[in-house]
Amino acid sequence: MDELMNTLIVELKRGTLVLSVLSQLRSPEYGYSLVQKLEEKQAAIEANTLYPLLRRLEKQGLLSSEWDTTESRPRKYYMLSPTGKAVYERLKDEWMQMSSQLAMLLKEDDEK
């Protein structure tokens, strides 16, 4: 039962990763700072999950990136591209509708 629950919870979280990451990139963030930011907001993500996701989102045109080499350690900063901003807003609206529908379904279940 525990193994099944863990698998199902991972599936639920996987479906929200893109929206979670996009929501935090309205201003430039580098990978590790994004990991910390999400963790502070109780939306932890593993670095080995985040970095490939950032590369994929950039390849899809949702993010732009820029290297900062002014520090001793170069950092790649990611931010929403104009397309990414539009996609984020649409995904956010879709999520709000879905979560409202789900809340209604779950409330019905509690009333039985």
N, C-alpha and C. Protein backbone atom coordinates (compact mmCIF):
# COMPACT_ATOMS: atom_id res chain seq x y z
N MET A 1 0.83 -1.20 0.00
CA MET A 1 0.00 0.00 0.00
C MET A 1 0.88 1.27 0.00
N ASP A 2 1.93 1.29 0.84
CA ASP A 2 2.81 2.46 0.90
C ASP A 2 3.49 2.72 -0.45
N GLU A 3 3.92 1.65 -1.09
CA GLU A 3 4.59 1.79 -2.38
C GLU A 3 3.63 2.35 -3.43
N LEU A 4 2.41 1.85 -3.43
CA LEU A 4 1.40 2.35 -4.35
C LEU A 4 1.11 3.83 -4.10
N MET A 5 0.96 4.20 -2.83
CA MET A 5 0.70 5.60 -2.49
C MET A 5 1.85 6.49 -2.94
N ASN A 6 3.06 6.05 -2.70
CA ASN A 6 4.23 6.85 -3.13
C ASN A 6 4.22 7.06 -4.63
N THR A 7 3.90 6.00 -5.38
CA THR A 7 3.84 6.10 -6.84
C THR A 7 2.77 7.08 -7.28
N LEU A 8 1.60 7.00 -6.68
CA LEU A 8 0.51 7.89 -7.04
C LEU A 8 0.80 9.34 -6.68
N ILE A 9 1.43 9.56 -5.55
CA ILE A 9 1.80 10.92 -5.14
C ILE A 9 2.83 11.50 -6.09
N VAL A 10 3.80 10.70 -6.51
CA VAL A 10 4.80 11.16 -7.48
C VAL A 10 4.11 11.57 -8.78
N GLU A 11 3.13 10.78 -9.23
CA GLU A 11 2.39 11.12 -10.45
C GLU A 11 1.64 12.44 -10.29
N LEU A 12 1.01 12.65 -9.15
CA LEU A 12 0.32 13.92 -8.91
C LEU A 12 1.28 15.09 -8.98
N LYS A 13 2.41 14.96 -8.33
CA LYS A 13 3.40 16.04 -8.30
C LYS A 13 3.98 16.30 -9.68
N ARG A 14 4.23 15.23 -10.43
CA ARG A 14 4.82 15.36 -11.76
C ARG A 14 3.94 16.25 -12.65
N GLY A 15 2.65 16.13 -12.48
CA GLY A 15 1.72 16.92 -13.27
C GLY A 15 1.74 18.40 -12.95
N THR A 16 2.31 18.78 -11.84
CA THR A 16 2.33 20.18 -11.44
C THR A 16 3.71 20.83 -11.54
N LEU A 17 4.72 20.04 -11.91
CA LEU A 17 6.09 20.57 -11.93
C LEU A 17 6.27 21.77 -12.84
N VAL A 18 5.79 21.66 -14.07
CA VAL A 18 5.98 22.75 -15.03
C VAL A 18 5.34 24.03 -14.50
N LEU A 19 4.12 23.94 -14.03
CA LEU A 19 3.43 25.12 -13.52
C LEU A 19 4.17 25.69 -12.30
N SER A 20 4.63 24.82 -11.42
CA SER A 20 5.37 25.27 -10.24
C SER A 20 6.63 26.03 -10.64
N VAL A 21 7.38 25.48 -11.57
CA VAL A 21 8.64 26.11 -12.00
C VAL A 21 8.36 27.43 -12.72
N LEU A 22 7.42 27.41 -13.65
CA LEU A 22 7.12 28.65 -14.38
C LEU A 22 6.67 29.76 -13.43
N SER A 23 5.94 29.40 -12.39
CA SER A 23 5.43 30.41 -11.45
C SER A 23 6.55 31.14 -10.71
N GLN A 24 7.72 30.54 -10.64
CA GLN A 24 8.81 31.14 -9.89
C GLN A 24 9.85 31.83 -10.77
N LEU A 25 9.60 31.89 -12.07
CA LEU A 25 10.59 32.46 -12.98
C LEU A 25 10.15 33.79 -13.59
N ARG A 26 9.36 34.53 -12.85
CA ARG A 26 8.99 35.87 -13.33
C ARG A 26 10.19 36.80 -13.25
N SER A 27 11.12 36.48 -12.37
CA SER A 27 12.40 37.19 -12.33
C SER A 27 13.50 36.13 -12.47
N PRO A 28 14.68 36.53 -12.94
CA PRO A 28 15.75 35.56 -13.21
C PRO A 28 16.16 34.76 -11.97
N GLU A 29 16.32 33.47 -12.16
CA GLU A 29 16.77 32.56 -11.11
C GLU A 29 17.76 31.58 -11.72
N TYR A 30 18.76 31.21 -10.95
CA TYR A 30 19.63 30.12 -11.40
C TYR A 30 19.15 28.84 -10.72
N GLY A 31 19.58 27.72 -11.22
CA GLY A 31 19.04 26.44 -10.80
C GLY A 31 18.98 26.23 -9.30
N TYR A 32 20.10 26.41 -8.62
CA TYR A 32 20.12 26.13 -7.18
C TYR A 32 19.22 27.09 -6.41
N SER A 33 19.18 28.35 -6.82
CA SER A 33 18.30 29.30 -6.13
C SER A 33 16.84 28.92 -6.33
N LEU A 34 16.53 28.37 -7.49
CA LEU A 34 15.16 27.92 -7.76
C LEU A 34 14.81 26.70 -6.90
N VAL A 35 15.75 25.78 -6.75
CA VAL A 35 15.54 24.62 -5.87
C VAL A 35 15.22 25.12 -4.46
N GLN A 36 16.01 26.07 -3.96
CA GLN A 36 15.81 26.61 -2.61
C GLN A 36 14.46 27.32 -2.49
N LYS A 37 14.15 28.13 -3.48
CA LYS A 37 12.91 28.91 -3.46
C LYS A 37 11.69 27.97 -3.39
N LEU A 38 11.70 26.93 -4.22
CA LEU A 38 10.59 25.98 -4.23
C LEU A 38 10.53 25.20 -2.92
N GLU A 39 11.68 24.85 -2.38
CA GLU A 39 11.72 24.12 -1.11
C GLU A 39 11.14 24.97 0.01
N GLU A 40 11.49 26.25 0.05
CA GLU A 40 10.97 27.17 1.07
C GLU A 40 9.44 27.27 1.00
N LYS A 41 8.90 27.07 -0.19
CA LYS A 41 7.45 27.19 -0.38
C LYS A 41 6.77 25.82 -0.36
N GLN A 42 7.45 24.85 0.23
CA GLN A 42 6.90 23.49 0.39
C GLN A 42 6.60 22.80 -0.94
N ALA A 43 7.35 23.15 -1.99
CA ALA A 43 7.18 22.54 -3.31
C ALA A 43 8.53 22.01 -3.78
N ALA A 44 9.15 21.20 -2.93
CA ALA A 44 10.51 20.72 -3.19
C ALA A 44 10.60 19.98 -4.52
N ILE A 45 11.74 20.17 -5.17
CA ILE A 45 12.04 19.49 -6.43
C ILE A 45 13.50 19.09 -6.38
N GLU A 46 13.78 17.89 -6.84
CA GLU A 46 15.16 17.41 -6.86
C GLU A 46 15.92 18.13 -7.98
N ALA A 47 17.19 18.44 -7.73
CA ALA A 47 18.02 19.10 -8.74
C ALA A 47 18.11 18.25 -10.01
N ASN A 48 18.19 16.93 -9.85
CA ASN A 48 18.30 16.08 -11.04
C ASN A 48 16.99 16.00 -11.82
N THR A 49 15.92 16.53 -11.28
CA THR A 49 14.66 16.67 -12.00
C THR A 49 14.56 18.07 -12.60
N LEU A 50 15.00 19.06 -11.84
CA LEU A 50 14.86 20.46 -12.25
C LEU A 50 15.71 20.81 -13.47
N TYR A 51 16.98 20.45 -13.46
CA TYR A 51 17.87 20.90 -14.54
C TYR A 51 17.44 20.40 -15.92
N PRO A 52 17.09 19.11 -16.06
CA PRO A 52 16.58 18.69 -17.38
C PRO A 52 15.27 19.40 -17.75
N LEU A 53 14.42 19.67 -16.76
CA LEU A 53 13.17 20.37 -17.01
C LEU A 53 13.46 21.79 -17.51
N LEU A 54 14.40 22.48 -16.88
CA LEU A 54 14.76 23.84 -17.33
C LEU A 54 15.27 23.82 -18.77
N ARG A 55 16.11 22.85 -19.10
CA ARG A 55 16.63 22.75 -20.47
C ARG A 55 15.50 22.48 -21.47
N ARG A 56 14.58 21.60 -21.09
CA ARG A 56 13.45 21.28 -21.97
C ARG A 56 12.56 22.51 -22.18
N LEU A 57 12.25 23.22 -21.09
CA LEU A 57 11.41 24.41 -21.20
C LEU A 57 12.08 25.50 -22.04
N GLU A 58 13.39 25.59 -21.94
CA GLU A 58 14.12 26.56 -22.76
C GLU A 58 14.06 26.14 -24.23
N LYS A 59 14.26 24.87 -24.48
CA LYS A 59 14.20 24.35 -25.86
C LYS A 59 12.81 24.57 -26.46
N GLN A 60 11.76 24.48 -25.64
CA GLN A 60 10.39 24.70 -26.09
C GLN A 60 10.06 26.19 -26.27
N GLY A 61 11.00 27.07 -25.90
CA GLY A 61 10.79 28.51 -26.06
C GLY A 61 10.07 29.17 -24.91
N LEU A 62 9.86 28.45 -23.81
CA LEU A 62 9.15 29.03 -22.67
C LEU A 62 10.07 29.81 -21.74
N LEU A 63 11.36 29.50 -21.79
CA LEU A 63 12.35 30.19 -20.96
C LEU A 63 13.44 30.75 -21.84
N SER A 64 14.04 31.80 -21.34
CA SER A 64 15.28 32.29 -21.93
C SER A 64 16.32 32.20 -20.82
N SER A 65 17.57 32.21 -21.20
CA SER A 65 18.61 32.10 -20.19
C SER A 65 19.77 33.02 -20.53
N GLU A 66 20.56 33.28 -19.50
CA GLU A 66 21.70 34.17 -19.65
C GLU A 66 22.75 33.75 -18.64
N TRP A 67 24.00 33.68 -19.08
CA TRP A 67 25.08 33.34 -18.17
C TRP A 67 25.57 34.58 -17.46
N ASP A 68 25.82 34.47 -16.16
CA ASP A 68 26.46 35.53 -15.38
C ASP A 68 27.84 35.03 -15.02
N THR A 69 28.85 35.66 -15.57
CA THR A 69 30.23 35.23 -15.32
C THR A 69 30.98 36.25 -14.45
N THR A 70 30.24 37.15 -13.81
CA THR A 70 30.90 38.17 -12.98
C THR A 70 31.37 37.60 -11.64
N GLU A 71 30.79 36.52 -11.20
CA GLU A 71 31.19 35.89 -9.94
C GLU A 71 32.29 34.87 -10.23
N SER A 72 32.87 34.33 -9.17
CA SER A 72 33.92 33.33 -9.35
C SER A 72 33.37 32.06 -9.99
N ARG A 73 32.08 31.80 -9.76
CA ARG A 73 31.44 30.62 -10.33
C ARG A 73 30.34 31.07 -11.30
N PRO A 74 30.50 30.78 -12.60
CA PRO A 74 29.46 31.20 -13.56
C PRO A 74 28.12 30.54 -13.25
N ARG A 75 27.05 31.30 -13.44
CA ARG A 75 25.70 30.80 -13.19
C ARG A 75 24.82 31.12 -14.38
N LYS A 76 23.99 30.15 -14.71
CA LYS A 76 23.04 30.34 -15.80
C LYS A 76 21.70 30.72 -15.18
N TYR A 77 21.23 31.90 -15.53
CA TYR A 77 19.97 32.40 -15.01
C TYR A 77 18.86 32.16 -16.03
N TYR A 78 17.73 31.67 -15.53
CA TYR A 78 16.56 31.40 -16.37
C TYR A 78 15.45 32.37 -16.03
N MET A 79 14.67 32.74 -17.05
CA MET A 79 13.49 33.57 -16.83
C MET A 79 12.45 33.23 -17.89
N LEU A 80 11.22 33.60 -17.62
CA LEU A 80 10.15 33.38 -18.59
C LEU A 80 10.39 34.21 -19.84
N SER A 81 10.24 33.60 -20.99
CA SER A 81 10.25 34.33 -22.25
C SER A 81 8.85 34.92 -22.44
N PRO A 82 8.65 35.78 -23.42
CA PRO A 82 7.30 36.28 -23.67
C PRO A 82 6.31 35.13 -23.92
N THR A 83 6.72 34.13 -24.68
CA THR A 83 5.86 32.95 -24.90
C THR A 83 5.61 32.23 -23.58
N GLY A 84 6.66 32.11 -22.77
CA GLY A 84 6.54 31.46 -21.47
C GLY A 84 5.56 32.16 -20.57
N LYS A 85 5.55 33.49 -20.61
CA LYS A 85 4.59 34.25 -19.79
C LYS A 85 3.16 33.95 -20.21
N ALA A 86 2.94 33.91 -21.53
CA ALA A 86 1.59 33.62 -22.03
C ALA A 86 1.17 32.20 -21.68
N VAL A 87 2.08 31.25 -21.85
CA VAL A 87 1.79 29.86 -21.53
C VAL A 87 1.53 29.72 -20.03
N TYR A 88 2.35 30.37 -19.21
CA TYR A 88 2.16 30.32 -17.76
C TYR A 88 0.77 30.81 -17.38
N GLU A 89 0.33 31.93 -17.93
CA GLU A 89 -0.99 32.48 -17.60
C GLU A 89 -2.09 31.50 -17.99
N ARG A 90 -1.97 30.89 -19.16
CA ARG A 90 -3.00 29.93 -19.60
C ARG A 90 -3.00 28.68 -18.74
N LEU A 91 -1.80 28.18 -18.41
CA LEU A 91 -1.72 27.00 -17.54
C LEU A 91 -2.28 27.31 -16.16
N LYS A 92 -1.98 28.50 -15.66
CA LYS A 92 -2.49 28.90 -14.34
C LYS A 92 -4.01 28.94 -14.35
N ASP A 93 -4.60 29.52 -15.39
CA ASP A 93 -6.06 29.56 -15.50
C ASP A 93 -6.63 28.15 -15.56
N GLU A 94 -6.00 27.30 -16.36
CA GLU A 94 -6.46 25.91 -16.49
C GLU A 94 -6.37 25.20 -15.14
N TRP A 95 -5.27 25.42 -14.42
CA TRP A 95 -5.10 24.80 -13.11
C TRP A 95 -6.18 25.26 -12.14
N MET A 96 -6.49 26.54 -12.15
CA MET A 96 -7.51 27.07 -11.25
C MET A 96 -8.86 26.42 -11.53
N GLN A 97 -9.19 26.25 -12.80
CA GLN A 97 -10.46 25.59 -13.17
C GLN A 97 -10.45 24.13 -12.71
N MET A 98 -9.36 23.43 -13.01
CA MET A 98 -9.28 22.02 -12.64
C MET A 98 -9.34 21.84 -11.14
N SER A 99 -8.64 22.69 -10.42
CA SER A 99 -8.61 22.53 -8.97
C SER A 99 -9.96 22.87 -8.36
N SER A 100 -10.68 23.81 -8.95
CA SER A 100 -12.02 24.12 -8.49
C SER A 100 -12.97 22.94 -8.75
N GLN A 101 -12.86 22.35 -9.93
CA GLN A 101 -13.68 21.18 -10.26
C GLN A 101 -13.38 20.02 -9.31
N LEU A 102 -12.11 19.79 -9.07
CA LEU A 102 -11.71 18.70 -8.19
C LEU A 102 -12.20 18.95 -6.76
N ALA A 103 -12.10 20.19 -6.30
CA ALA A 103 -12.59 20.52 -4.96
C ALA A 103 -14.08 20.23 -4.85
N MET A 104 -14.84 20.54 -5.91
CA MET A 104 -16.27 20.27 -5.90
C MET A 104 -16.53 18.75 -5.84
N LEU A 105 -15.78 17.98 -6.63
CA LEU A 105 -15.95 16.53 -6.61
C LEU A 105 -15.61 15.94 -5.25
N LEU A 106 -14.54 16.42 -4.65
CA LEU A 106 -14.13 15.89 -3.35
C LEU A 106 -15.10 16.30 -2.26
N LYS A 107 -15.65 17.49 -2.37
CA LYS A 107 -16.64 17.95 -1.39
C LYS A 107 -17.88 17.07 -1.47
N GLU A 108 -18.32 16.74 -2.70
CA GLU A 108 -19.46 15.85 -2.87
C GLU A 108 -19.21 14.53 -2.18
N ASP A 109 -18.00 14.03 -2.31
CA ASP A 109 -17.64 12.76 -1.70
C ASP A 109 -17.73 12.84 -0.17
N ASP A 110 -17.31 13.97 0.40
CA ASP A 110 -17.36 14.15 1.85
C ASP A 110 -18.79 14.23 2.37
N GLU A 111 -19.70 14.68 1.52
CA GLU A 111 -21.10 14.85 1.95
C GLU A 111 -21.89 13.56 1.95
N LYS A 112 -21.35 12.51 1.36
CA LYS A 112 -22.06 11.22 1.28
C LYS A 112 -21.90 10.43 2.55
